[in-house]
Amino acid sequence: MKANHKQITPHYDVAILGYGPTGATLAHLLSLHGLNVLVLDKEKEMYPLPRAVHFDDETMRIFQTIGIANQLCKMLHINPGMKFVNKQGRLLLDWPRPQVLSSQGWNASYRFHQPDLERILRGSLQAKPNVTILTGCQVTDVSQSSENVIVHFIDKDNDQAQVITAEYVVGCDGANSLVRKQFDSDLEDLGFRQKWLVVDLLLKEDMPQLGDHSVQFCDPKRPMTYCRNPKNRRRWEIATIEGETDEDILKPERIWNLLSKWITPLQADIERKAIYTFRSVIAKRWVYGRLLIAGDAAHLTPPFMGQGMCAGVRDAANLAWKLALCVKNHVGHEILQSYAQERIPHVKAYISKAVILGELIYSEDPLSMLSAVNDEGTGQAKMKSISPLLGDADFFSSFAPFSKFRGQLLGQPVFRNGLRMDDLYGYRAVLISRNQLEFDKSAVLAPEFENSILLLLDKLDTYAVLLRPDHYILATAKDANETKELCDLVSHTFGDGFVKQ
């Protein structure tokens, strides 16, 4: 049961239910703040087959923060973009993804194999002395008091019942979340619900004719999606139609018939086939006392933006530093309400865009819908990636005098010596100012760092920026006096040690 062979203790700072990418990332980030973390998962072993296949530059930046980006890079395919075509093959919409580094210091779009990511995440967590992983454990009950949360679980190997307590519990336990059920939270439905067949193939030979771009085949009768994944992996997602049963469409002969336009059994093997119901829902409540939810427990999106896993990783990055402030700096629970207030509008922007794209690929008249995805005034549109602002949060209202650019994701300069900004500061708040910078001694070429920072501040036309651990702007100051006022407010709000200049 003890996946990392650590002694179980009766109490933890944070218990995480679910050991997928969201739960594992959250555990990593909490460990960087020195919290004592328990991760519980009902499955004994990691799921070995493909599931999520895409993440973006912001997500990669978070993976950089937890120290796995360089190892992960060797297993990725840089995605050149996505094309939407009609059933005659005419290009309707182009979503190019630049092949140069983005403002985040990474490529804008990556294709990956989820088991590769999970092996790296889990392997790295094994070395964390303050993280305990228990797999093959079924959580049976979660209850809370004003002081802690009580978690009951059973070791499925021997049917032994155990109990632990934690300051907080985060449910990263999927769409049927046990933790969310404690909330009695309603779900906001954004209107998309369709059943699709997902087929993952392993090529037996090179097939460059399939292309490197992802392709959405827009057809109201039978939309399909093609994904070029790493190495010899390729995916097709195929909408089911009325009257089809799961049993019928999952038959290999039926699958190969649907794919016959592109590929045959002589050219590939089926690695995985599954039926998914693509949905667009957001829980209206993410925080209930000492219980919280993240990832699929909090939201579900159609896959057309490639943002399902990304949203869960963003949840973890937004939440971890706030939990650390509650546990270590004794900041009030009110800061946890800001998690939902900021994240719900943000994730809703992505889900809403994914719903629009889903409607486009099902439309009888897709040309009439192009204006909803940035039509440039011709019969063909180009789509741009979105970067929504965080929602307004009551907890940060005292920062209103310094609110310019608040909630905006800040770029990450890459220095000429190869270092990125987060290599120096990691998962902590940073005050970036025009004067009195203290350079980390690991920065080999400090003047290059200073020039990059000045360029960043020039772009924002500001004197100083207070950057949160999750890389979003909390506040800006227009001069040295405002910067001093901002620092005083930060110390009063969060306690000493929150900001490294």
Protein backbone atom coordinates (compact mmCIF):
# COMPACT_ATOMS: atom_id res chain seq x y z
CA MET A 1 0.00 0.00 0.00
CA LYS A 2 2.78 2.44 0.88
CA ALA A 3 3.90 3.39 -2.60
CA ASN A 4 6.87 5.36 -1.31
CA HIS A 5 7.43 3.23 1.80
CA LYS A 6 7.06 6.09 4.27
CA GLN A 7 5.60 5.69 7.73
CA ILE A 8 1.98 6.82 7.92
CA THR A 9 1.47 9.53 10.50
CA PRO A 10 -1.86 10.39 12.12
CA HIS A 11 -1.95 13.99 10.88
CA TYR A 12 -0.98 15.91 7.71
CA ASP A 13 -1.06 19.51 6.66
CA VAL A 14 -2.87 18.61 3.41
CA ALA A 15 -4.36 15.35 2.17
CA ILE A 16 -4.94 15.02 -1.58
CA LEU A 17 -7.44 12.49 -2.89
CA GLY A 18 -6.41 11.47 -6.40
CA TYR A 19 -2.99 10.83 -7.92
CA GLY A 20 -3.50 12.00 -11.48
CA PRO A 21 -1.64 14.99 -12.97
CA THR A 22 -3.61 17.54 -10.91
CA GLY A 23 -3.10 15.77 -7.59
CA ALA A 24 0.55 14.99 -8.27
CA THR A 25 1.30 18.58 -9.35
CA LEU A 26 -0.42 19.94 -6.25
CA ALA A 27 1.64 17.61 -4.05
CA HIS A 28 4.83 18.85 -5.70
CA LEU A 29 3.95 22.51 -5.20
CA LEU A 30 2.92 22.03 -1.57
CA SER A 31 6.17 20.19 -0.89
CA LEU A 32 8.12 23.20 -2.17
CA HIS A 33 6.60 25.16 0.73
CA GLY A 34 7.58 22.45 3.22
CA LEU A 35 4.09 21.17 3.93
CA ASN A 36 3.55 17.60 5.12
CA VAL A 37 1.39 16.05 2.40
CA LEU A 38 -0.49 12.76 1.99
CA VAL A 39 -1.73 11.57 -1.42
CA LEU A 40 -4.36 8.81 -1.52
CA ASP A 41 -5.45 7.00 -4.66
CA LYS A 42 -7.84 4.09 -5.04
CA GLU A 43 -5.85 2.47 -7.87
CA LYS A 44 -2.84 0.37 -7.00
CA GLU A 45 -0.99 1.10 -10.23
CA MET A 46 -0.82 4.00 -12.65
CA TYR A 47 -3.12 3.75 -15.68
CA PRO A 48 -0.75 2.69 -18.49
CA LEU A 49 -2.65 3.85 -21.59
CA PRO A 50 -3.17 7.28 -23.25
CA ARG A 51 -5.67 9.77 -21.91
CA ALA A 52 -4.83 13.50 -22.03
CA VAL A 53 -2.60 14.36 -25.00
CA HIS A 54 -2.02 18.14 -24.94
CA PHE A 55 -0.72 20.88 -22.68
CA ASP A 56 0.38 24.49 -23.22
CA ASP A 57 3.25 26.81 -22.33
CA GLU A 58 1.78 27.94 -19.02
CA THR A 59 1.42 24.32 -17.95
CA MET A 60 5.00 23.61 -19.01
CA ARG A 61 6.12 26.58 -16.95
CA ILE A 62 4.49 24.98 -13.89
CA PHE A 63 6.26 21.71 -14.71
CA GLN A 64 9.47 23.76 -14.85
CA THR A 65 8.66 25.10 -11.38
CA ILE A 66 8.41 21.59 -9.92
CA GLY A 67 11.59 20.52 -11.66
CA ILE A 68 10.47 18.04 -14.31
CA ALA A 69 10.39 20.12 -17.52
CA ASN A 70 13.83 19.19 -18.84
CA GLN A 71 13.20 15.47 -18.36
CA LEU A 72 9.74 15.77 -19.90
CA CYS A 73 11.03 17.66 -22.96
CA LYS A 74 12.61 14.49 -24.32
CA MET A 75 9.21 12.85 -24.62
CA LEU A 76 7.17 15.59 -26.28
CA HIS A 77 6.11 16.60 -29.77
CA ILE A 78 5.89 20.36 -30.39
CA ASN A 79 2.49 20.96 -31.93
CA PRO A 80 2.42 23.28 -34.98
CA GLY A 81 -1.27 24.00 -34.55
CA MET A 82 -4.76 22.89 -35.46
CA LYS A 83 -6.75 23.19 -38.68
CA PHE A 84 -10.52 23.03 -39.06
CA VAL A 85 -11.71 21.73 -42.43
CA ASN A 86 -15.16 21.05 -43.85
CA LYS A 87 -16.27 17.72 -45.30
CA GLN A 88 -14.98 18.77 -48.73
CA GLY A 89 -11.54 19.37 -47.24
CA ARG A 90 -11.71 23.17 -47.44
CA LEU A 91 -9.80 25.01 -44.70
CA LEU A 92 -12.27 26.91 -42.51
CA LEU A 93 -10.17 27.92 -39.54
CA ASP A 94 -6.45 27.92 -38.86
CA TRP A 95 -5.06 27.94 -35.32
CA PRO A 96 -1.28 28.15 -35.79
CA ARG A 97 0.99 27.62 -32.78
CA PRO A 98 4.36 29.38 -33.15
CA GLN A 99 7.43 27.17 -33.23
CA VAL A 100 9.53 29.74 -31.36
CA LEU A 101 9.44 30.15 -27.59
CA SER A 102 6.45 32.06 -26.26
CA SER A 103 6.46 34.78 -23.62
CA GLN A 104 6.26 31.99 -21.05
CA GLY A 105 9.72 30.74 -22.03
CA TRP A 106 8.41 27.53 -23.60
CA ASN A 107 6.64 26.42 -26.76
CA ALA A 108 2.99 27.33 -27.01
CA SER A 109 1.66 23.81 -27.52
CA TYR A 110 2.89 20.29 -26.75
CA ARG A 111 1.60 16.82 -27.51
CA PHE A 112 2.43 14.18 -24.91
CA HIS A 113 1.72 10.64 -23.71
CA GLN A 114 0.08 10.85 -20.28
CA PRO A 115 1.80 7.76 -18.81
CA ASP A 116 5.18 9.41 -19.61
CA LEU A 117 4.16 12.50 -17.66
CA GLU A 118 2.75 10.54 -14.74
CA ARG A 119 5.86 8.38 -14.41
CA ILE A 120 7.99 11.51 -14.19
CA LEU A 121 5.64 13.22 -11.75
CA ARG A 122 5.47 10.15 -9.52
CA GLY A 123 9.17 9.37 -9.72
CA SER A 124 10.07 12.88 -8.65
CA LEU A 125 7.58 12.80 -5.75
CA GLN A 126 9.16 9.62 -4.40
CA ALA A 127 12.19 11.67 -3.41
CA LYS A 128 10.19 14.25 -1.46
CA PRO A 129 10.64 13.55 2.28
CA ASN A 130 7.49 15.48 3.19
CA VAL A 131 5.17 13.68 0.73
CA THR A 132 3.62 10.26 1.46
CA ILE A 133 1.87 8.37 -1.35
CA LEU A 134 -0.64 5.62 -0.58
CA THR A 135 -2.08 3.76 -3.57
CA GLY A 136 -4.67 1.00 -3.58
CA CYS A 137 -6.62 2.87 -0.89
CA GLN A 138 -10.36 3.45 -1.11
CA VAL A 139 -11.52 6.58 0.74
CA THR A 140 -14.85 5.77 2.37
CA ASP A 141 -15.67 8.94 4.27
CA VAL A 142 -14.52 12.53 4.64
CA SER A 143 -15.82 14.77 7.43
CA GLN A 144 -14.63 18.03 8.89
CA SER A 145 -14.66 20.04 12.08
CA SER A 146 -13.54 23.58 12.77
CA GLU A 147 -10.02 22.26 13.44
CA ASN A 148 -9.33 19.56 10.83
CA VAL A 149 -10.66 17.02 8.35
CA ILE A 150 -11.05 13.32 9.17
CA VAL A 151 -10.39 10.89 6.30
CA HIS A 152 -11.39 7.21 6.53
CA PHE A 153 -9.91 4.82 3.98
CA ILE A 154 -9.41 1.10 3.40
CA ASP A 155 -6.25 -0.58 2.16
CA LYS A 156 -7.71 -2.74 -0.60
CA ASP A 157 -4.84 -5.24 -0.33
CA ASN A 158 -5.83 -6.38 3.17
CA ASP A 159 -9.16 -4.64 3.87
CA GLN A 160 -7.56 -2.79 6.76
CA ALA A 161 -9.42 0.38 7.76
CA GLN A 162 -7.37 3.45 8.64
CA VAL A 163 -8.03 7.03 9.70
CA ILE A 164 -5.92 10.17 9.34
CA THR A 165 -6.59 13.85 9.92
CA ALA A 166 -5.45 16.83 7.87
CA GLU A 167 -5.67 20.59 8.09
CA TYR A 168 -7.17 20.57 4.58
CA VAL A 169 -8.33 18.00 2.06
CA VAL A 170 -8.29 18.61 -1.70
CA GLY A 171 -10.38 16.37 -3.92
CA CYS A 172 -8.53 15.76 -7.19
CA ASP A 173 -10.67 12.67 -7.52
CA GLY A 174 -12.33 13.14 -10.88
CA ALA A 175 -15.78 13.86 -12.24
CA ASN A 176 -17.51 11.67 -9.64
CA SER A 177 -15.60 13.31 -6.79
CA LEU A 178 -16.34 12.05 -3.29
CA VAL A 179 -15.15 15.38 -1.89
CA ARG A 180 -17.46 17.42 -4.11
CA LYS A 181 -20.40 15.35 -2.88
CA GLN A 182 -19.75 16.77 0.59
CA PHE A 183 -20.39 20.27 -0.82
CA ASP A 184 -23.84 19.60 -2.21
CA SER A 185 -22.62 21.88 -5.01
CA ASP A 186 -24.69 22.54 -8.11
CA LEU A 187 -23.06 22.30 -11.54
CA GLU A 188 -23.28 25.05 -14.14
CA ASP A 189 -23.83 23.42 -17.52
CA LEU A 190 -22.55 25.40 -20.52
CA GLY A 191 -24.57 23.31 -22.92
CA PHE A 192 -22.28 20.80 -24.63
CA ARG A 193 -22.87 17.07 -24.19
CA GLN A 194 -21.84 14.64 -26.90
CA LYS A 195 -20.66 11.03 -26.91
CA TRP A 196 -17.42 10.36 -28.81
CA LEU A 197 -15.25 7.36 -29.59
CA VAL A 198 -11.55 7.92 -28.83
CA VAL A 199 -9.08 5.62 -30.60
CA ASP A 200 -5.33 5.60 -29.98
CA LEU A 201 -3.16 3.92 -32.60
CA LEU A 202 0.47 2.81 -32.77
CA LEU A 203 1.88 3.20 -36.27
CA LYS A 204 3.80 0.26 -37.73
CA GLU A 205 5.47 2.48 -40.34
CA ASP A 206 6.19 6.13 -40.99
CA MET A 207 3.12 7.94 -42.36
CA PRO A 208 4.12 11.56 -43.01
CA GLN A 209 1.02 11.99 -45.15
CA LEU A 210 -1.07 12.11 -41.96
CA GLY A 211 0.59 15.41 -41.11
CA ASP A 212 1.83 17.03 -37.91
CA HIS A 213 -1.10 19.41 -37.43
CA SER A 214 -4.13 18.43 -35.44
CA VAL A 215 -7.20 18.47 -37.69
CA GLN A 216 -10.86 18.98 -36.84
CA PHE A 217 -13.03 17.49 -39.57
CA CYS A 218 -16.21 19.58 -39.41
CA ASP A 219 -19.21 17.54 -40.49
CA PRO A 220 -22.65 17.80 -38.83
CA LYS A 221 -23.26 14.10 -39.43
CA ARG A 222 -19.95 12.74 -38.15
CA PRO A 223 -17.31 15.18 -36.84
CA MET A 224 -13.84 13.75 -36.25
CA THR A 225 -10.52 14.87 -34.82
CA TYR A 226 -7.00 13.76 -35.73
CA CYS A 227 -4.09 14.27 -33.29
CA ARG A 228 -0.44 13.76 -34.09
CA ASN A 229 1.03 12.58 -30.79
CA PRO A 230 4.66 11.77 -29.85
CA LYS A 231 6.69 9.17 -31.72
CA ASN A 232 4.43 6.66 -33.48
CA ARG A 233 1.26 7.50 -31.56
CA ARG A 234 -1.76 8.91 -33.38
CA ARG A 235 -5.28 9.57 -32.11
CA TRP A 236 -8.68 9.88 -33.76
CA GLU A 237 -11.73 11.12 -31.92
CA ILE A 238 -15.01 10.24 -33.66
CA ALA A 239 -18.46 11.52 -32.78
CA THR A 240 -21.10 8.85 -32.35
CA ILE A 241 -24.46 9.24 -34.04
CA GLU A 242 -27.99 8.51 -32.93
CA GLY A 243 -28.82 4.81 -32.91
CA GLU A 244 -25.22 3.60 -32.53
CA THR A 245 -24.49 1.47 -29.49
CA ASP A 246 -21.19 1.54 -27.63
CA GLU A 247 -20.78 -2.15 -28.32
CA ASP A 248 -21.15 -1.72 -32.08
CA ILE A 249 -18.84 1.28 -32.52
CA LEU A 250 -16.11 -0.27 -30.34
CA LYS A 251 -15.80 -3.30 -32.62
CA PRO A 252 -12.39 -3.28 -34.36
CA GLU A 253 -13.90 -3.79 -37.81
CA ARG A 254 -16.19 -0.80 -37.27
CA ILE A 255 -13.29 1.36 -36.09
CA TRP A 256 -11.14 0.49 -39.10
CA ASN A 257 -14.05 1.20 -41.40
CA LEU A 258 -14.41 4.69 -39.90
CA LEU A 259 -10.67 5.31 -40.29
CA SER A 260 -10.33 3.76 -43.74
CA LYS A 261 -9.88 7.16 -45.42
CA TRP A 262 -6.57 7.62 -43.60
CA ILE A 263 -5.21 4.33 -42.31
CA THR A 264 -5.61 0.53 -42.32
CA PRO A 265 -4.88 -2.34 -39.89
CA LEU A 266 -1.76 -3.11 -41.92
CA GLN A 267 -0.33 0.27 -40.97
CA ALA A 268 -1.22 0.50 -37.27
CA ASP A 269 -2.41 -1.32 -34.16
CA ILE A 270 -5.15 -0.16 -31.84
CA GLU A 271 -3.58 0.69 -28.49
CA ARG A 272 -6.75 1.91 -26.78
CA LYS A 273 -10.40 2.50 -27.61
CA ALA A 274 -12.90 4.16 -25.29
CA ILE A 275 -16.22 5.99 -25.28
CA TYR A 276 -16.28 9.43 -23.67
CA THR A 277 -19.15 11.80 -23.06
CA PHE A 278 -17.72 15.27 -23.68
CA ARG A 279 -19.32 17.73 -21.28
CA SER A 280 -19.04 21.41 -20.35
CA VAL A 281 -19.76 21.83 -16.64
CA ILE A 282 -18.30 23.84 -13.75
CA ALA A 283 -19.01 23.28 -10.07
CA LYS A 284 -20.49 26.41 -8.54
CA ARG A 285 -18.72 25.79 -5.26
CA TRP A 286 -15.06 24.76 -4.96
CA VAL A 287 -14.41 25.48 -1.29
CA TYR A 288 -16.41 24.19 1.68
CA GLY A 289 -14.68 24.90 4.97
CA ARG A 290 -11.51 22.82 4.94
CA LEU A 291 -12.57 20.82 1.87
CA LEU A 292 -11.60 21.90 -1.67
CA ILE A 293 -11.80 20.45 -5.17
CA ALA A 294 -9.58 20.75 -8.24
CA GLY A 295 -9.26 19.33 -11.74
CA ASP A 296 -12.10 17.24 -13.15
CA ALA A 297 -13.79 17.33 -9.74
CA ALA A 298 -14.33 21.06 -10.32
CA HIS A 299 -14.82 21.32 -14.09
CA LEU A 300 -15.18 19.34 -17.31
CA THR A 301 -14.53 20.66 -20.81
CA PRO A 302 -14.93 19.40 -24.35
CA PRO A 303 -11.45 18.64 -25.72
CA PHE A 304 -11.41 21.06 -28.65
CA MET A 305 -9.16 23.62 -26.90
CA GLY A 306 -6.87 20.95 -25.45
CA GLN A 307 -7.28 22.52 -22.00
CA GLY A 308 -8.70 19.77 -19.80
CA MET A 309 -5.51 18.77 -17.99
CA CYS A 310 -4.10 22.30 -18.25
CA ALA A 311 -7.02 23.61 -16.22
CA GLY A 312 -6.34 21.14 -13.43
CA VAL A 313 -2.65 22.02 -13.32
CA ARG A 314 -3.59 25.72 -13.13
CA ASP A 315 -5.93 24.89 -10.24
CA ALA A 316 -3.00 23.33 -8.39
CA ALA A 317 -0.72 26.32 -9.03
CA ASN A 318 -3.38 28.79 -7.86
CA LEU A 319 -4.25 26.81 -4.74
CA ALA A 320 -0.96 25.49 -3.34
CA TRP A 321 0.58 28.79 -2.23
CA LYS A 322 -2.68 29.86 -0.61
CA LEU A 323 -2.86 26.63 1.38
CA ALA A 324 0.75 27.16 2.42
CA LEU A 325 -0.07 30.66 3.68
CA CYS A 326 -2.95 29.26 5.74
CA VAL A 327 -0.87 26.46 7.26
CA LYS A 328 2.48 28.21 7.78
CA ASN A 329 1.73 31.94 7.91
CA HIS A 330 -1.67 31.56 9.60
CA VAL A 331 -3.37 33.70 6.96
CA GLY A 332 -7.15 33.46 7.37
CA HIS A 333 -9.30 30.94 5.53
CA GLU A 334 -10.73 33.83 3.50
CA ILE A 335 -7.81 33.56 1.09
CA LEU A 336 -9.08 30.11 0.04
CA GLN A 337 -12.31 31.66 -1.22
CA SER A 338 -10.15 33.60 -3.67
CA TYR A 339 -9.20 30.26 -5.27
CA ALA A 340 -12.69 29.71 -6.62
CA GLN A 341 -13.36 33.39 -7.29
CA GLU A 342 -10.26 33.62 -9.48
CA ARG A 343 -10.36 30.22 -11.14
CA ILE A 344 -14.05 29.85 -12.05
CA PRO A 345 -14.17 32.80 -14.51
CA HIS A 346 -10.78 31.80 -15.89
CA VAL A 347 -11.67 28.18 -16.61
CA LYS A 348 -15.11 29.23 -17.85
CA ALA A 349 -13.45 31.33 -20.58
CA TYR A 350 -11.64 28.24 -21.89
CA ILE A 351 -14.67 25.97 -21.64
CA SER A 352 -16.89 28.53 -23.38
CA LYS A 353 -14.41 28.77 -26.26
CA ALA A 354 -14.26 24.97 -26.47
CA VAL A 355 -18.06 24.85 -26.67
CA ILE A 356 -18.03 27.36 -29.54
CA LEU A 357 -15.49 25.19 -31.39
CA GLY A 358 -17.65 22.15 -30.73
CA GLU A 359 -20.66 23.93 -32.19
CA LEU A 360 -18.54 24.91 -35.20
CA ILE A 361 -17.56 21.34 -36.03
CA TYR A 362 -21.20 20.20 -35.72
CA SER A 363 -22.64 23.14 -37.66
CA GLU A 364 -24.58 22.78 -40.92
CA ASP A 365 -23.20 26.21 -41.86
CA PRO A 366 -19.74 26.54 -40.23
CA LEU A 367 -18.82 29.62 -42.27
CA SER A 368 -21.53 31.59 -40.49
CA MET A 369 -19.90 30.79 -37.13
CA LEU A 370 -16.36 31.90 -37.90
CA SER A 371 -16.88 35.39 -36.45
CA ALA A 372 -17.20 33.76 -33.01
CA VAL A 373 -13.61 32.53 -33.31
CA ASN A 374 -11.88 35.67 -34.56
CA ASP A 375 -12.99 35.87 -38.20
CA GLU A 376 -10.72 38.18 -40.18
CA GLY A 377 -13.41 39.23 -42.60
CA THR A 378 -12.86 36.54 -45.21
CA GLY A 379 -14.26 33.07 -45.70
CA GLN A 380 -11.30 31.77 -43.72
CA ALA A 381 -10.46 32.67 -40.14
CA LYS A 382 -7.36 32.52 -38.03
CA MET A 383 -7.76 31.81 -34.38
CA LYS A 384 -5.50 33.08 -31.60
CA SER A 385 -4.84 31.47 -28.27
CA ILE A 386 -6.56 33.12 -25.33
CA SER A 387 -5.05 34.14 -21.99
CA PRO A 388 -7.93 35.14 -19.70
CA LEU A 389 -7.52 37.30 -16.63
CA LEU A 390 -8.15 35.78 -13.23
CA GLY A 391 -11.49 36.64 -11.68
CA ASP A 392 -11.70 39.36 -9.03
CA ALA A 393 -11.30 38.05 -5.50
CA ASP A 394 -12.59 39.73 -2.34
CA PHE A 395 -9.47 38.83 -0.38
CA PHE A 396 -7.27 41.03 -2.57
CA SER A 397 -9.53 44.09 -2.50
CA SER A 398 -7.01 45.96 -0.31
CA PHE A 399 -4.63 45.86 -3.29
CA ALA A 400 -7.06 47.96 -5.39
CA PRO A 401 -4.75 51.03 -5.47
CA PHE A 402 -2.13 48.81 -7.14
CA SER A 403 -4.50 46.92 -9.42
CA LYS A 404 -3.11 47.76 -12.86
CA PHE A 405 -2.53 44.46 -14.71
CA ARG A 406 -3.75 42.45 -11.70
CA GLY A 407 -4.75 38.94 -12.68
CA GLN A 408 -2.66 38.93 -15.86
CA LEU A 409 -0.22 36.10 -16.53
CA LEU A 410 3.30 37.54 -16.62
CA GLY A 411 5.90 36.46 -19.12
CA GLN A 412 9.11 34.66 -18.20
CA PRO A 413 12.29 36.13 -19.67
CA VAL A 414 14.88 33.69 -20.97
CA PHE A 415 18.40 34.99 -20.40
CA ARG A 416 21.32 34.67 -22.78
CA ASN A 417 23.02 32.31 -20.35
CA GLY A 418 20.09 29.89 -20.78
CA LEU A 419 18.43 30.52 -17.44
CA ARG A 420 14.75 31.34 -17.26
CA MET A 421 13.42 33.68 -14.59
CA ASP A 422 11.65 30.90 -12.69
CA ASP A 423 14.91 28.94 -12.49
CA LEU A 424 15.99 31.59 -9.99
CA TYR A 425 12.78 32.09 -8.01
CA GLY A 426 10.69 28.96 -8.43
CA TYR A 427 7.32 28.81 -6.70
CA ARG A 428 7.38 31.96 -4.59
CA ALA A 429 6.29 35.55 -4.80
CA VAL A 430 8.77 37.95 -6.36
CA LEU A 431 8.92 41.74 -6.34
CA ILE A 432 10.42 42.86 -9.64
CA SER A 433 11.51 46.51 -9.46
CA ARG A 434 13.67 48.92 -11.41
CA ASN A 435 16.03 49.53 -8.50
CA GLN A 436 17.55 47.69 -5.56
CA LEU A 437 17.27 44.25 -7.11
CA GLU A 438 19.10 41.53 -5.22
CA PHE A 439 20.39 39.00 -7.70
CA ASP A 440 20.39 35.34 -6.86
CA LYS A 441 24.04 34.20 -6.70
CA SER A 442 23.22 31.30 -9.02
CA ALA A 443 22.63 33.81 -11.82
CA VAL A 444 25.87 33.64 -13.75
CA LEU A 445 25.37 36.86 -15.68
CA ALA A 446 23.49 39.30 -13.50
CA PRO A 447 23.57 42.22 -16.00
CA GLU A 448 21.73 40.08 -18.58
CA PHE A 449 19.10 39.35 -15.97
CA GLU A 450 18.75 43.06 -15.19
CA ASN A 451 18.32 43.97 -18.86
CA SER A 452 15.61 41.36 -19.28
CA ILE A 453 13.76 42.67 -16.25
CA LEU A 454 13.96 46.24 -17.49
CA LEU A 455 12.49 45.19 -20.82
CA LEU A 456 9.67 43.40 -19.02
CA LEU A 457 8.89 46.48 -16.91
CA ASP A 458 9.13 48.75 -19.97
CA LYS A 459 6.56 46.60 -21.75
CA LEU A 460 4.16 47.06 -18.82
CA ASP A 461 5.14 50.74 -18.43
CA THR A 462 5.47 50.34 -14.68
CA TYR A 463 8.10 50.72 -11.96
CA ALA A 464 7.54 47.48 -10.05
CA VAL A 465 5.51 44.28 -10.33
CA LEU A 466 4.52 41.94 -7.52
CA LEU A 467 4.40 38.47 -9.05
CA ARG A 468 2.52 35.71 -7.27
CA PRO A 469 3.96 32.17 -7.00
CA ASP A 470 1.59 31.02 -9.79
CA HIS A 471 3.11 33.63 -12.16
CA TYR A 472 0.11 35.98 -12.20
CA ILE A 473 0.42 39.67 -11.34
CA LEU A 474 -0.93 40.59 -7.92
CA ALA A 475 -0.03 44.29 -8.01
CA THR A 476 2.03 46.98 -9.73
CA ALA A 477 3.56 50.24 -8.51
CA LYS A 478 4.28 53.33 -10.58
CA ASP A 479 7.22 54.69 -8.56
CA ALA A 480 9.53 54.01 -5.59
CA ASN A 481 7.10 55.45 -3.04
CA GLU A 482 4.25 53.26 -4.24
CA THR A 483 6.58 50.26 -4.18
CA LYS A 484 7.33 50.92 -0.50
CA GLU A 485 3.58 51.19 0.24
CA LEU A 486 2.98 47.96 -1.65
CA CYS A 487 5.67 46.13 0.33
CA ASP A 488 4.13 47.32 3.61
CA LEU A 489 0.71 46.08 2.49
CA VAL A 490 2.15 42.71 1.50
CA SER A 491 3.82 42.27 4.90
CA HIS A 492 0.60 43.21 6.67
CA THR A 493 -1.51 40.84 4.51
CA PHE A 494 0.72 37.78 4.25
CA GLY A 495 3.36 38.15 6.95
CA ASP A 496 7.11 38.41 6.56
CA GLY A 497 8.93 36.31 4.01
CA PHE A 498 6.23 36.24 1.33
CA VAL A 499 8.20 38.32 -1.16
CA LYS A 500 11.75 37.86 -2.37
CA GLN A 501 13.04 40.96 -4.10
